[in-house]
PDB file of all heavy atoms in Angstrom:
ATOM      1  N   SER A   1     -16.006  62.216  59.965  1.00  0.00           N
ATOM      2  CA  SER A   1     -16.136  60.757  59.858  1.00  0.00           C
ATOM      3  C   SER A   1     -15.477  60.009  61.006  1.00  0.00           C
ATOM      4  O   SER A   1     -15.443  58.783  61.007  1.00  0.00           O
ATOM      5  CB  SER A   1     -15.549  60.255  58.528  1.00  0.00           C
ATOM      6  OG  SER A   1     -14.145  60.411  58.489  1.00  0.00           O
ATOM      7  N   HIS A   2     -14.944  60.730  61.990  1.00  0.00           N
ATOM      8  CA  HIS A   2     -14.288  60.032  63.093  1.00  0.00           C
ATOM      9  C   HIS A   2     -15.317  59.375  64.000  1.00  0.00           C
ATOM     10  O   HIS A   2     -16.424  59.869  64.172  1.00  0.00           O
ATOM     11  CB  HIS A   2     -13.429  60.995  63.909  1.00  0.00           C
ATOM     12  CG  HIS A   2     -12.461  60.302  64.821  1.00  0.00           C
ATOM     13  ND1 HIS A   2     -12.803  59.882  66.085  1.00  0.00           N
ATOM     14  CD2 HIS A   2     -11.161  59.936  64.640  1.00  0.00           C
ATOM     15  CE1 HIS A   2     -11.757  59.300  66.652  1.00  0.00           C
ATOM     16  NE2 HIS A   2     -10.752  59.305  65.796  1.00  0.00           N
ATOM     17  N   TRP A   3     -14.927  58.249  64.595  1.00  0.00           N
ATOM     18  CA  TRP A   3     -15.806  57.596  65.567  1.00  0.00           C
ATOM     19  C   TRP A   3     -16.134  58.563  66.696  1.00  0.00           C
ATOM     20  O   TRP A   3     -15.414  59.536  66.935  1.00  0.00           O
ATOM     21  CB  TRP A   3     -15.102  56.368  66.146  1.00  0.00           C
ATOM     22  CG  TRP A   3     -14.914  55.261  65.170  1.00  0.00           C
ATOM     23  CD1 TRP A   3     -15.190  55.287  63.824  1.00  0.00           C
ATOM     24  CD2 TRP A   3     -14.398  53.958  65.446  1.00  0.00           C
ATOM     25  NE1 TRP A   3     -14.886  54.089  63.256  1.00  0.00           N
ATOM     26  CE2 TRP A   3     -14.394  53.242  64.220  1.00  0.00           C
ATOM     27  CE3 TRP A   3     -13.950  53.326  66.592  1.00  0.00           C
ATOM     28  CZ2 TRP A   3     -13.960  51.928  64.119  1.00  0.00           C
ATOM     29  CZ3 TRP A   3     -13.508  52.006  66.503  1.00  0.00           C
ATOM     30  CH2 TRP A   3     -13.511  51.324  65.279  1.00  0.00           C
ATOM     31  N   ILE A   4     -17.205  58.297  67.407  1.00  0.00           N
ATOM     32  CA  ILE A   4     -17.561  59.102  68.574  1.00  0.00           C
ATOM     33  C   ILE A   4     -16.670  58.624  69.713  1.00  0.00           C
ATOM     34  O   ILE A   4     -16.821  57.509  70.220  1.00  0.00           O
ATOM     35  CB  ILE A   4     -19.050  58.958  68.926  1.00  0.00           C
ATOM     36  CG1 ILE A   4     -19.914  59.304  67.706  1.00  0.00           C
ATOM     37  CG2 ILE A   4     -19.405  59.865  70.104  1.00  0.00           C
ATOM     38  CD1 ILE A   4     -21.402  59.058  67.913  1.00  0.00           C
ATOM     39  N   ASP A   5     -15.743  59.477  70.125  1.00  0.00           N
ATOM     40  CA  ASP A   5     -14.642  59.052  70.980  1.00  0.00           C
ATOM     41  C   ASP A   5     -14.481  59.997  72.171  1.00  0.00           C
ATOM     42  O   ASP A   5     -14.004  61.118  72.021  1.00  0.00           O
ATOM     43  CB  ASP A   5     -13.352  59.014  70.154  1.00  0.00           C
ATOM     44  CG  ASP A   5     -12.114  58.731  70.996  1.00  0.00           C
ATOM     45  OD1 ASP A   5     -12.256  58.221  72.110  1.00  0.00           O
ATOM     46  OD2 ASP A   5     -11.005  59.029  70.504  1.00  0.00           O
ATOM     47  N   SER A   6     -14.874  59.525  73.338  1.00  0.00           N
ATOM     48  CA  SER A   6     -14.630  60.271  74.570  1.00  0.00           C
ATOM     49  C   SER A   6     -13.698  59.462  75.459  1.00  0.00           C
ATOM     50  O   SER A   6     -13.981  58.299  75.764  1.00  0.00           O
ATOM     51  CB  SER A   6     -15.936  60.553  75.331  1.00  0.00           C
ATOM     52  OG  SER A   6     -15.671  61.143  76.594  1.00  0.00           O
ATOM     53  N   HIS A   7     -12.601  60.082  75.856  1.00  0.00           N
ATOM     54  CA  HIS A   7     -11.763  59.455  76.868  1.00  0.00           C
ATOM     55  C   HIS A   7     -12.483  59.528  78.211  1.00  0.00           C
ATOM     56  O   HIS A   7     -13.482  60.233  78.372  1.00  0.00           O
ATOM     57  CB  HIS A   7     -10.404  60.156  76.952  1.00  0.00           C
ATOM     58  CG  HIS A   7      -9.422  59.635  75.953  1.00  0.00           C
ATOM     59  ND1 HIS A   7      -8.190  59.120  76.291  1.00  0.00           N
ATOM     60  CD2 HIS A   7      -9.495  59.537  74.604  1.00  0.00           C
ATOM     61  CE1 HIS A   7      -7.546  58.733  75.217  1.00  0.00           C
ATOM     62  NE2 HIS A   7      -8.315  58.974  74.166  1.00  0.00           N
ATOM     63  N   HIS A   8     -11.973  58.790  79.178  1.00  0.00           N
ATOM     64  CA  HIS A   8     -12.604  58.797  80.493  1.00  0.00           C
ATOM     65  C   HIS A   8     -12.600  60.193  81.097  1.00  0.00           C
ATOM     66  O   HIS A   8     -11.703  60.994  80.833  1.00  0.00           O
ATOM     67  CB  HIS A   8     -11.886  57.814  81.426  1.00  0.00           C
ATOM     68  CG  HIS A   8     -12.077  56.384  81.028  1.00  0.00           C
ATOM     69  ND1 HIS A   8     -11.036  55.564  80.646  1.00  0.00           N
ATOM     70  CD2 HIS A   8     -13.201  55.630  80.938  1.00  0.00           C
ATOM     71  CE1 HIS A   8     -11.504  54.356  80.347  1.00  0.00           C
ATOM     72  NE2 HIS A   8     -12.815  54.369  80.514  1.00  0.00           N
ATOM     73  N   VAL A   9     -13.603  60.446  81.901  1.00  0.00           N
ATOM     74  CA  VAL A   9     -13.783  61.754  82.515  1.00  0.00           C
ATOM     75  C   VAL A   9     -13.330  61.759  83.973  1.00  0.00           C
ATOM     76  O   VAL A   9     -12.668  62.685  84.431  1.00  0.00           O
ATOM     77  CB  VAL A   9     -15.261  62.192  82.406  1.00  0.00           C
ATOM     78  CG1 VAL A   9     -15.507  63.491  83.158  1.00  0.00           C
ATOM     79  CG2 VAL A   9     -15.657  62.334  80.931  1.00  0.00           C
ATOM     80  N   GLN A  10     -13.701  60.712  84.709  1.00  0.00           N
ATOM     81  CA  GLN A  10     -13.350  60.686  86.128  1.00  0.00           C
ATOM     82  C   GLN A  10     -13.195  59.249  86.629  1.00  0.00           C
ATOM     83  O   GLN A  10     -13.670  58.302  86.010  1.00  0.00           O
ATOM     84  CB  GLN A  10     -14.404  61.426  86.947  1.00  0.00           C
ATOM     85  CG  GLN A  10     -15.815  60.939  86.760  1.00  0.00           C
ATOM     86  CD  GLN A  10     -16.845  61.886  87.359  1.00  0.00           C
ATOM     87  OE1 GLN A  10     -16.540  62.691  88.241  1.00  0.00           O
ATOM     88  NE2 GLN A  10     -18.070  61.813  86.884  1.00  0.00           N
ATOM     89  N   ARG A  11     -12.537  59.133  87.788  1.00  0.00           N
ATOM     90  CA  ARG A  11     -12.329  57.829  88.423  1.00  0.00           C
ATOM     91  C   ARG A  11     -13.287  57.738  89.608  1.00  0.00           C
ATOM     92  O   ARG A  11     -13.315  58.632  90.463  1.00  0.00           O
ATOM     93  CB  ARG A  11     -10.890  57.672  88.885  1.00  0.00           C
ATOM     94  CG  ARG A  11      -9.888  57.901  87.770  1.00  0.00           C
ATOM     95  CD  ARG A  11      -8.532  57.330  88.095  1.00  0.00           C
ATOM     96  NE  ARG A  11      -8.204  56.281  87.130  1.00  0.00           N
ATOM     97  CZ  ARG A  11      -7.008  55.714  87.022  1.00  0.00           C
ATOM     98  NH1 ARG A  11      -6.039  56.056  87.844  1.00  0.00           N
ATOM     99  NH2 ARG A  11      -6.788  54.781  86.130  1.00  0.00           N
ATOM    100  N   VAL A  12     -14.046  56.645  89.638  1.00  0.00           N
ATOM    101  CA  VAL A  12     -15.121  56.511  90.614  1.00  0.00           C
ATOM    102  C   VAL A  12     -14.873  55.296  91.509  1.00  0.00           C
ATOM    103  O   VAL A  12     -14.726  54.171  91.023  1.00  0.00           O
ATOM    104  CB  VAL A  12     -16.482  56.364  89.903  1.00  0.00           C
ATOM    105  CG1 VAL A  12     -17.616  56.299  90.924  1.00  0.00           C
ATOM    106  CG2 VAL A  12     -16.708  57.522  88.928  1.00  0.00           C
ATOM    107  N   ALA A  13     -14.845  55.536  92.813  1.00  0.00           N
ATOM    108  CA  ALA A  13     -14.707  54.442  93.775  1.00  0.00           C
ATOM    109  C   ALA A  13     -16.033  53.701  93.874  1.00  0.00           C
ATOM    110  O   ALA A  13     -17.062  54.295  94.171  1.00  0.00           O
ATOM    111  CB  ALA A  13     -14.315  55.004  95.142  1.00  0.00           C
ATOM    112  N   VAL A  14     -16.019  52.400  93.583  1.00  0.00           N
ATOM    113  CA  VAL A  14     -17.254  51.610  93.654  1.00  0.00           C
ATOM    114  C   VAL A  14     -17.256  50.669  94.863  1.00  0.00           C
ATOM    115  O   VAL A  14     -18.287  50.090  95.200  1.00  0.00           O
ATOM    116  CB  VAL A  14     -17.484  50.813  92.351  1.00  0.00           C
ATOM    117  CG1 VAL A  14     -17.726  51.756  91.184  1.00  0.00           C
ATOM    118  CG2 VAL A  14     -16.302  49.895  92.041  1.00  0.00           C
ATOM    119  N   SER A  15     -16.092  50.503  95.496  1.00  0.00           N
ATOM    120  CA  SER A  15     -15.987  49.725  96.735  1.00  0.00           C
ATOM    121  C   SER A  15     -14.655  50.088  97.376  1.00  0.00           C
ATOM    122  O   SER A  15     -13.889  50.900  96.848  1.00  0.00           O
ATOM    123  CB  SER A  15     -16.065  48.229  96.458  1.00  0.00           C
ATOM    124  OG  SER A  15     -14.869  47.767  95.862  1.00  0.00           O
ATOM    125  N   LYS A  16     -14.340  49.460  98.493  1.00  0.00           N
ATOM    126  CA  LYS A  16     -13.075  49.722  99.159  1.00  0.00           C
ATOM    127  C   LYS A  16     -11.882  49.169  98.386  1.00  0.00           C
ATOM    128  O   LYS A  16     -10.741  49.569  98.599  1.00  0.00           O
ATOM    129  CB  LYS A  16     -13.091  49.115 100.569  1.00  0.00           C
ATOM    130  CG  LYS A  16     -14.057  49.803 101.528  1.00  0.00           C
ATOM    131  CD  LYS A  16     -13.646  51.244 101.794  1.00  0.00           C
ATOM    132  CE  LYS A  16     -14.577  51.916 102.799  1.00  0.00           C
ATOM    133  NZ  LYS A  16     -14.214  53.339 103.028  1.00  0.00           N
ATOM    134  N   THR A  17     -12.175  48.249  97.465  1.00  0.00           N
ATOM    135  CA  THR A  17     -11.083  47.594  96.744  1.00  0.00           C
ATOM    136  C   THR A  17     -11.147  47.777  95.228  1.00  0.00           C
ATOM    137  O   THR A  17     -10.287  47.264  94.518  1.00  0.00           O
ATOM    138  CB  THR A  17     -11.082  46.079  97.042  1.00  0.00           C
ATOM    139  OG1 THR A  17     -12.343  45.517  96.622  1.00  0.00           O
ATOM    140  CG2 THR A  17     -10.871  45.819  98.523  1.00  0.00           C
ATOM    141  N   GLN A  18     -12.166  48.489  94.743  1.00  0.00           N
ATOM    142  CA  GLN A  18     -12.334  48.636  93.292  1.00  0.00           C
ATOM    143  C   GLN A  18     -12.701  50.076  92.914  1.00  0.00           C
ATOM    144  O   GLN A  18     -13.331  50.795  93.688  1.00  0.00           O
ATOM    145  CB  GLN A  18     -13.447  47.710  92.780  1.00  0.00           C
ATOM    146  CG  GLN A  18     -13.145  46.230  92.824  1.00  0.00           C
ATOM    147  CD  GLN A  18     -14.307  45.436  92.225  1.00  0.00           C
ATOM    148  OE1 GLN A  18     -15.465  45.785  92.404  1.00  0.00           O
ATOM    149  NE2 GLN A  18     -13.980  44.355  91.528  1.00  0.00           N
ATOM    150  N   PHE A  19     -12.313  50.438  91.687  1.00  0.00           N
ATOM    151  CA  PHE A  19     -12.793  51.695  91.097  1.00  0.00           C
ATOM    152  C   PHE A  19     -13.074  51.446  89.626  1.00  0.00           C
ATOM    153  O   PHE A  19     -12.671  50.424  89.049  1.00  0.00           O
ATOM    154  CB  PHE A  19     -11.774  52.831  91.274  1.00  0.00           C
ATOM    155  CG  PHE A  19     -10.535  52.713  90.423  1.00  0.00           C
ATOM    156  CD1 PHE A  19     -10.491  53.269  89.143  1.00  0.00           C
ATOM    157  CD2 PHE A  19      -9.404  52.063  90.894  1.00  0.00           C
ATOM    158  CE1 PHE A  19      -9.353  53.186  88.362  1.00  0.00           C
ATOM    159  CE2 PHE A  19      -8.247  51.969  90.120  1.00  0.00           C
ATOM    160  CZ  PHE A  19      -8.226  52.530  88.849  1.00  0.00           C
ATOM    161  N   VAL A  20     -13.771  52.394  89.017  1.00  0.00           N
ATOM    162  CA  VAL A  20     -14.077  52.297  87.593  1.00  0.00           C
ATOM    163  C   VAL A  20     -13.770  53.631  86.925  1.00  0.00           C
ATOM    164  O   VAL A  20     -14.002  54.702  87.505  1.00  0.00           O
ATOM    165  CB  VAL A  20     -15.552  51.883  87.360  1.00  0.00           C
ATOM    166  CG1 VAL A  20     -16.509  52.962  87.848  1.00  0.00           C
ATOM    167  CG2 VAL A  20     -15.810  51.576  85.889  1.00  0.00           C
ATOM    168  N   ASN A  21     -13.209  53.571  85.729  1.00  0.00           N
ATOM    169  CA  ASN A  21     -13.020  54.776  84.922  1.00  0.00           C
ATOM    170  C   ASN A  21     -14.329  55.074  84.206  1.00  0.00           C
ATOM    171  O   ASN A  21     -14.849  54.227  83.477  1.00  0.00           O
ATOM    172  CB  ASN A  21     -11.902  54.565  83.899  1.00  0.00           C
ATOM    173  CG  ASN A  21     -10.534  54.469  84.545  1.00  0.00           C
ATOM    174  OD1 ASN A  21     -10.274  55.132  85.539  1.00  0.00           O
ATOM    175  ND2 ASN A  21      -9.660  53.648  83.981  1.00  0.00           N
ATOM    176  N   GLU A  22     -14.860  56.276  84.422  1.00  0.00           N
ATOM    177  CA  GLU A  22     -16.200  56.627  83.929  1.00  0.00           C
ATOM    178  C   GLU A  22     -16.132  57.626  82.788  1.00  0.00           C
ATOM    179  O   GLU A  22     -15.277  58.511  82.774  1.00  0.00           O
ATOM    180  CB  GLU A  22     -17.012  57.210  85.101  1.00  0.00           C
ATOM    181  CG  GLU A  22     -18.429  57.615  84.780  1.00  0.00           C
ATOM    182  CD  GLU A  22     -18.557  59.013  84.210  1.00  0.00           C
ATOM    183  OE1 GLU A  22     -17.910  59.940  84.727  1.00  0.00           O
ATOM    184  OE2 GLU A  22     -19.301  59.178  83.218  1.00  0.00           O
ATOM    185  N   GLY A  23     -17.056  57.476  81.840  1.00  0.00           N
ATOM    186  CA  GLY A  23     -17.218  58.475  80.790  1.00  0.00           C
ATOM    187  C   GLY A  23     -16.802  58.064  79.401  1.00  0.00           C
ATOM    188  O   GLY A  23     -16.952  58.825  78.446  1.00  0.00           O
ATOM    189  N   ARG A  24     -16.275  56.862  79.239  1.00  0.00           N
ATOM    190  CA  ARG A  24     -15.778  56.424  77.937  1.00  0.00           C
ATOM    191  C   ARG A  24     -16.902  56.290  76.918  1.00  0.00           C
ATOM    192  O   ARG A  24     -17.971  55.741  77.212  1.00  0.00           O
ATOM    193  CB  ARG A  24     -15.073  55.075  78.087  1.00  0.00           C
ATOM    194  CG  ARG A  24     -14.476  54.505  76.787  1.00  0.00           C
ATOM    195  CD  ARG A  24     -13.266  55.285  76.377  1.00  0.00           C
ATOM    196  NE  ARG A  24     -12.483  54.601  75.359  1.00  0.00           N
ATOM    197  CZ  ARG A  24     -12.018  55.192  74.254  1.00  0.00           C
ATOM    198  NH1 ARG A  24     -12.274  56.463  74.035  1.00  0.00           N
ATOM    199  NH2 ARG A  24     -11.275  54.523  73.400  1.00  0.00           N
ATOM    200  N   ILE A  25     -16.644  56.812  75.711  1.00  0.00           N
ATOM    201  CA  ILE A  25     -17.475  56.528  74.531  1.00  0.00           C
ATOM    202  C   ILE A  25     -16.523  56.087  73.424  1.00  0.00           C
ATOM    203  O   ILE A  25     -15.521  56.736  73.169  1.00  0.00           O
ATOM    204  CB  ILE A  25     -18.267  57.763  74.043  1.00  0.00           C
ATOM    205  CG1 ILE A  25     -19.100  58.389  75.156  1.00  0.00           C
ATOM    206  CG2 ILE A  25     -19.179  57.369  72.875  1.00  0.00           C
ATOM    207  CD1 ILE A  25     -19.804  59.683  74.734  1.00  0.00           C
ATOM    208  N   TRP A  26     -16.832  54.994  72.798  1.00  0.00           N
ATOM    209  CA  TRP A  26     -16.024  54.498  71.668  1.00  0.00           C
ATOM    210  C   TRP A  26     -17.000  53.855  70.699  1.00  0.00           C
ATOM    211  O   TRP A  26     -17.167  52.655  70.656  1.00  0.00           O
ATOM    212  CB  TRP A  26     -14.974  53.523  72.171  1.00  0.00           C
ATOM    213  CG  TRP A  26     -13.914  53.097  71.193  1.00  0.00           C
ATOM    214  CD1 TRP A  26     -13.560  51.819  70.882  1.00  0.00           C
ATOM    215  CD2 TRP A  26     -13.052  53.934  70.412  1.00  0.00           C
ATOM    216  NE1 TRP A  26     -12.542  51.801  69.965  1.00  0.00           N
ATOM    217  CE2 TRP A  26     -12.203  53.091  69.658  1.00  0.00           C
ATOM    218  CE3 TRP A  26     -12.918  55.315  70.264  1.00  0.00           C
ATOM    219  CZ2 TRP A  26     -11.236  53.589  68.777  1.00  0.00           C
ATOM    220  CZ3 TRP A  26     -11.948  55.806  69.389  1.00  0.00           C
ATOM    221  CH2 TRP A  26     -11.123  54.951  68.666  1.00  0.00           C
ATOM    222  N   GLU A  27     -17.674  54.716  69.950  1.00  0.00           N
ATOM    223  CA  GLU A  27     -18.791  54.292  69.105  1.00  0.00           C
ATOM    224  C   GLU A  27     -18.412  54.411  67.632  1.00  0.00           C
ATOM    225  O   GLU A  27     -18.209  55.508  67.105  1.00  0.00           O
ATOM    226  CB  GLU A  27     -20.012  55.169  69.394  1.00  0.00           C
ATOM    227  CG  GLU A  27     -21.296  54.706  68.734  1.00  0.00           C
ATOM    228  CD  GLU A  27     -21.903  53.463  69.365  1.00  0.00           C
ATOM    229  OE1 GLU A  27     -21.490  53.116  70.502  1.00  0.00           O
ATOM    230  OE2 GLU A  27     -22.762  52.836  68.731  1.00  0.00           O
ATOM    231  N   PRO A  28     -18.295  53.277  66.943  1.00  0.00           N
ATOM    232  CA  PRO A  28     -17.950  53.348  65.517  1.00  0.00           C
ATOM    233  C   PRO A  28     -19.076  53.930  64.686  1.00  0.00           C
ATOM    234  O   PRO A  28     -20.252  53.799  65.033  1.00  0.00           O
ATOM    235  CB  PRO A  28     -17.702  51.883  65.149  1.00  0.00           C
ATOM    236  CG  PRO A  28     -18.496  51.100  66.128  1.00  0.00           C
ATOM    237  CD  PRO A  28     -18.482  51.891  67.404  1.00  0.00           C
ATOM    238  N   ILE A  29     -18.716  54.614  63.616  1.00  0.00           N
ATOM    239  CA  ILE A  29     -19.706  55.075  62.645  1.00  0.00           C
ATOM    240  C   ILE A  29     -19.317  54.514  61.286  1.00  0.00           C
ATOM    241  O   ILE A  29     -18.132  54.329  60.993  1.00  0.00           O
ATOM    242  CB  ILE A  29     -19.826  56.610  62.610  1.00  0.00           C
ATOM    243  CG1 ILE A  29     -18.528  57.266  62.116  1.00  0.00           C
ATOM    244  CG2 ILE A  29     -20.173  57.158  63.990  1.00  0.00           C
ATOM    245  CD1 ILE A  29     -18.652  58.774  61.932  1.00  0.00           C
ATOM    246  N   SER A  30     -20.299  54.217  60.480  1.00  0.00           N
ATOM    247  CA  SER A  30     -20.039  53.513  59.218  1.00  0.00           C
ATOM    248  C   SER A  30     -19.956  54.428  58.013  1.00  0.00           C
ATOM    249  O   SER A  30     -19.466  54.018  56.964  1.00  0.00           O
ATOM    250  CB  SER A  30     -21.135  52.467  58.975  1.00  0.00           C
ATOM    251  OG  SER A  30     -22.408  53.087  58.896  1.00  0.00           O
ATOM    252  N   GLN A  31     -20.445  55.666  58.150  1.00  0.00           N
ATOM    253  CA  GLN A  31     -20.466  56.585  57.011  1.00  0.00           C
ATOM    254  C   GLN A  31     -20.099  57.990  57.476  1.00  0.00           C
ATOM    255  O   GLN A  31     -20.258  58.331  58.649  1.00  0.00           O
ATOM    256  CB  GLN A  31     -21.866  56.611  56.384  1.00  0.00           C
ATOM    257  CG  GLN A  31     -22.338  55.281  55.803  1.00  0.00           C
ATOM    258  CD  GLN A  31     -21.531  54.852  54.602  1.00  0.00           C
ATOM    259  OE1 GLN A  31     -21.070  55.688  53.831  1.00  0.00           O
ATOM    260  NE2 GLN A  31     -21.342  53.558  54.432  1.00  0.00           N
ATOM    261  N   PRO A  32     -19.608  58.832  56.549  1.00  0.00           N
ATOM    262  CA  PRO A  32     -19.335  60.223  56.913  1.00  0.00           C
ATOM    263  C   PRO A  32     -20.635  61.003  57.093  1.00  0.00           C
ATOM    264  O   PRO A  32     -21.715  60.524  56.747  1.00  0.00           O
ATOM    265  CB  PRO A  32     -18.543  60.748  55.714  1.00  0.00           C
ATOM    266  CG  PRO A  32     -19.022  59.918  54.567  1.00  0.00           C
ATOM    267  CD  PRO A  32     -19.281  58.549  55.139  1.00  0.00           C
ATOM    268  N   TYR A  33     -20.516  62.190  57.640  1.00  0.00           N
ATOM    269  CA  TYR A  33     -21.688  63.057  57.822  1.00  0.00           C
ATOM    270  C   TYR A  33     -21.298  64.491  57.479  1.00  0.00           C
ATOM    271  O   TYR A  33     -20.127  64.868  57.533  1.00  0.00           O
ATOM    272  CB  TYR A  33     -22.212  62.978  59.258  1.00  0.00           C
ATOM    273  CG  TYR A  33     -21.187  63.305  60.321  1.00  0.00           C
ATOM    274  CD1 TYR A  33     -20.995  64.610  60.776  1.00  0.00           C
ATOM    275  CD2 TYR A  33     -20.384  62.304  60.872  1.00  0.00           C
ATOM    276  CE1 TYR A  33     -20.046  64.905  61.734  1.00  0.00           C
ATOM    277  CE2 TYR A  33     -19.426  62.595  61.836  1.00  0.00           C
ATOM    278  CZ  TYR A  33     -19.266  63.900  62.268  1.00  0.00           C
ATOM    279  OH  TYR A  33     -18.317  64.196  63.218  1.00  0.00           O
ATOM    280  N   GLU A  34     -22.293  65.275  57.099  1.00  0.00           N
ATOM    281  CA  GLU A  34     -22.068  66.666  56.723  1.00  0.00           C
ATOM    282  C   GLU A  34     -22.187  67.568  57.952  1.00  0.00           C
ATOM    283  O   GLU A  34     -23.003  67.328  58.839  1.00  0.00           O
ATOM    284  CB  GLU A  34     -23.080  67.082  55.662  1.00  0.00           C
ATOM    285  CG  GLU A  34     -22.967  66.261  54.389  1.00  0.00           C
ATOM    286  CD  GLU A  34     -24.100  66.478  53.401  1.00  0.00           C
ATOM    287  OE1 GLU A  34     -24.951  67.370  53.650  1.00  0.00           O
ATOM    288  OE2 GLU A  34     -24.151  65.747  52.385  1.00  0.00           O
ATOM    289  N   ILE A  35     -21.360  68.606  57.996  1.00  0.00           N
ATOM    290  CA  ILE A  35     -21.354  69.536  59.122  1.00  0.00           C
ATOM    291  C   ILE A  35     -21.927  70.874  58.672  1.00  0.00           C
ATOM    292  O   ILE A  35     -21.490  71.450  57.667  1.00  0.00           O
ATOM    293  CB  ILE A  35     -19.931  69.718  59.666  1.00  0.00           C
ATOM    294  CG1 ILE A  35     -19.335  68.358  60.054  1.00  0.00           C
ATOM    295  CG2 ILE A  35     -19.942  70.657  60.876  1.00  0.00           C
ATOM    296  CD1 ILE A  35     -17.863  68.420  60.427  1.00  0.00           C
ATOM    297  N   SER A  36     -22.875  71.366  59.426  1.00  0.00           N
ATOM    298  CA  SER A  36     -23.583  72.605  59.085  1.00  0.00           C
ATOM    299  C   SER A  36     -22.728  73.845  59.344  1.00  0.00           C
ATOM    300  O   SER A  36     -22.040  73.936  60.360  1.00  0.00           O
ATOM    301  CB  SER A  36     -24.866  72.704  59.909  1.00  0.00           C
ATOM    302  OG  SER A  36     -25.453  73.984  59.798  1.00  0.00           O
TER     303      SER A  36
END
């Protein structure tokens, strides 16, 4: 039942003065699910 949660994977230079943390997932789920 945990949210779909990925921490960032890598740091990406998008310009000479900026970067972005890439790979984040933070997706809420409203109900539990069964695992096979």
